[in-house]
Structures are given as C-alpha cells and as structure tokens.
Amino acid sequence: MSKIEADLPLLASIVRARAPENKAILEALEDYELACAKEKDGTMRLDEKAEWSRIRKEVAAELERLISRQSKSGGNT
C-alpha cells in the first residue's frame, strides 16, 4: 500500500483521477509525493524526516479539503 492509500484510503483513487484535470490537486499531489520521497531519504537527520512527515500529513489534509470542496461544488475545477 502506498502512502496516499494509507493517508487517504477513501480518496486516493479520486485524487489520482482528478489530478490531471485539476491544477490545484495536481500541484498538491506533486508536493505530497515530494514529501513522501524526502521522508524516505536515508541521508536525512531524524528531525528533518519528522518535518517532512508533518508536511506530508498537511498536504494530505489539503488534498482532502480540495476533493471535499469539489464534491460540494459539483465541479472538477
């Protein structure tokens, strides 16, 4: 299971499906993937990894808000 499925189990497939057509979701997904990569970097200190973990969680929450906002508005923008 990838991180996004763990962080957003009910929304991961929606995020991936909507990212190509929605710039905000695409950018947030790219930021999320960057945070995941940094979090896995074996050369970083533990405090740096912890900071990237916090960033990953923040971006996951932002993705959740973006999808929720789209669902309420009924659009893909």
C-alpha atoms as a PDB file:
ATOM      1  CA  MET A   1       0.000   0.000   0.000  1.00  0.00           C
ATOM      2  CA  SER A   2       1.376   3.402  -0.932  1.00  0.00           C
ATOM      3  CA  LYS A   3       1.391   6.314   1.476  1.00  0.00           C
ATOM      4  CA  ILE A   4      -1.539   8.037  -0.209  1.00  0.00           C
ATOM      5  CA  GLU A   5      -3.735   4.964   0.234  1.00  0.00           C
ATOM      6  CA  ALA A   6      -2.711   4.881   3.898  1.00  0.00           C
ATOM      7  CA  ASP A   7      -3.289   8.614   4.418  1.00  0.00           C
ATOM      8  CA  LEU A   8      -6.441   8.903   2.308  1.00  0.00           C
ATOM      9  CA  PRO A   9      -7.872   5.399   1.961  1.00  0.00           C
ATOM     10  CA  LEU A  10     -11.238   6.541   0.619  1.00  0.00           C
ATOM     11  CA  LEU A  11      -9.928   9.330  -1.597  1.00  0.00           C
ATOM     12  CA  ALA A  12      -6.646   8.146  -3.111  1.00  0.00           C
ATOM     13  CA  SER A  13      -8.209   6.916  -6.351  1.00  0.00           C
ATOM     14  CA  ILE A  14     -10.261  10.117  -6.675  1.00  0.00           C
ATOM     15  CA  VAL A  15      -7.156  12.261  -6.140  1.00  0.00           C
ATOM     16  CA  ARG A  16      -5.252  10.356  -8.822  1.00  0.00           C
ATOM     17  CA  ALA A  17      -8.181  10.503 -11.248  1.00  0.00           C
ATOM     18  CA  ARG A  18      -8.771  14.238 -10.826  1.00  0.00           C
ATOM     19  CA  ALA A  19      -5.129  15.373 -10.687  1.00  0.00           C
ATOM     20  CA  PRO A  20      -4.567  15.507 -14.474  1.00  0.00           C
ATOM     21  CA  GLU A  21      -7.571  17.799 -14.972  1.00  0.00           C
ATOM     22  CA  ASN A  22      -7.224  19.965 -11.851  1.00  0.00           C
ATOM     23  CA  LYS A  23      -4.127  22.117 -11.357  1.00  0.00           C
ATOM     24  CA  ALA A  24      -4.598  22.584  -7.593  1.00  0.00           C
ATOM     25  CA  ILE A  25      -4.947  18.846  -6.985  1.00  0.00           C
ATOM     26  CA  LEU A  26      -2.041  18.074  -9.325  1.00  0.00           C
ATOM     27  CA  GLU A  27       0.250  20.520  -7.526  1.00  0.00           C
ATOM     28  CA  ALA A  28      -0.799  19.218  -4.111  1.00  0.00           C
ATOM     29  CA  LEU A  29      -0.229  15.635  -5.261  1.00  0.00           C
ATOM     30  CA  GLU A  30       3.250  16.563  -6.528  1.00  0.00           C
ATOM     31  CA  ASP A  31       4.009  18.208  -3.170  1.00  0.00           C
ATOM     32  CA  TYR A  32       2.704  15.117  -1.399  1.00  0.00           C
ATOM     33  CA  GLU A  33       4.940  12.824  -3.467  1.00  0.00           C
ATOM     34  CA  LEU A  34       7.946  15.079  -2.811  1.00  0.00           C
ATOM     35  CA  ALA A  35       7.273  14.956   0.930  1.00  0.00           C
ATOM     36  CA  CYS A  36       6.999  11.153   0.765  1.00  0.00           C
ATOM     37  CA  ALA A  37      10.335  10.927  -1.062  1.00  0.00           C
ATOM     38  CA  LYS A  38      12.040  13.257   1.396  1.00  0.00           C
ATOM     39  CA  GLU A  39      10.562  11.335   4.312  1.00  0.00           C
ATOM     40  CA  LYS A  40      12.150   8.120   2.956  1.00  0.00           C
ATOM     41  CA  ASP A  41      15.555   9.729   2.337  1.00  0.00           C
ATOM     42  CA  GLY A  42      18.036   7.740   4.370  1.00  0.00           C
ATOM     43  CA  THR A  43      20.586  10.548   4.448  1.00  0.00           C
ATOM     44  CA  MET A  44      18.414  12.959   6.429  1.00  0.00           C
ATOM     45  CA  ARG A  45      18.518  13.511  10.147  1.00  0.00           C
ATOM     46  CA  LEU A  46      15.547  12.297  12.185  1.00  0.00           C
ATOM     47  CA  ASP A  47      14.286  15.823  12.838  1.00  0.00           C
ATOM     48  CA  GLU A  48      14.315  16.559   9.097  1.00  0.00           C
ATOM     49  CA  LYS A  49      12.401  13.356   8.382  1.00  0.00           C
ATOM     50  CA  ALA A  50       9.897  14.293  11.083  1.00  0.00           C
ATOM     51  CA  GLU A  51       9.381  17.680   9.451  1.00  0.00           C
ATOM     52  CA  TRP A  52       8.752  16.054   6.055  1.00  0.00           C
ATOM     53  CA  SER A  53       6.310  13.674   7.721  1.00  0.00           C
ATOM     54  CA  ARG A  54       4.435  16.660   9.135  1.00  0.00           C
ATOM     55  CA  ILE A  55       4.425  18.310   5.697  1.00  0.00           C
ATOM     56  CA  ARG A  56       3.135  15.084   4.103  1.00  0.00           C
ATOM     57  CA  LYS A  57       0.248  14.994   6.565  1.00  0.00           C
ATOM     58  CA  GLU A  58      -0.553  18.661   5.929  1.00  0.00           C
ATOM     59  CA  VAL A  59      -0.608  18.137   2.175  1.00  0.00           C
ATOM     60  CA  ALA A  60      -2.792  15.030   2.592  1.00  0.00           C
ATOM     61  CA  ALA A  61      -5.238  17.162   4.585  1.00  0.00           C
ATOM     62  CA  GLU A  62      -5.157  19.791   1.831  1.00  0.00           C
ATOM     63  CA  LEU A  63      -5.897  17.129  -0.795  1.00  0.00           C
ATOM     64  CA  GLU A  64      -8.840  16.006   1.305  1.00  0.00           C
ATOM     65  CA  ARG A  65     -10.132  19.601   1.502  1.00  0.00           C
ATOM     66  CA  LEU A  66      -9.731  20.093  -2.253  1.00  0.00           C
ATOM     67  CA  ILE A  67     -11.695  16.934  -3.045  1.00  0.00           C
ATOM     68  CA  SER A  68     -14.353  17.846  -0.494  1.00  0.00           C
ATOM     69  CA  ARG A  69     -14.668  21.356  -1.914  1.00  0.00           C
ATOM     70  CA  GLN A  70     -15.042  19.936  -5.431  1.00  0.00           C
ATOM     71  CA  SER A  71     -17.674  17.477  -4.307  1.00  0.00           C
ATOM     72  CA  LYS A  72     -19.695  20.221  -2.608  1.00  0.00           C
ATOM     73  CA  SER A  73     -19.454  22.494  -5.643  1.00  0.00           C
ATOM     74  CA  GLY A  74     -20.183  19.633  -8.024  1.00  0.00           C
ATOM     75  CA  GLY A  75     -17.313  20.554 -10.336  1.00  0.00           C
ATOM     76  CA  ASN A  76     -13.869  19.419 -11.352  1.00  0.00           C
ATOM     77  CA  THR A  77     -12.220  22.810 -11.165  1.00  0.00           C
END
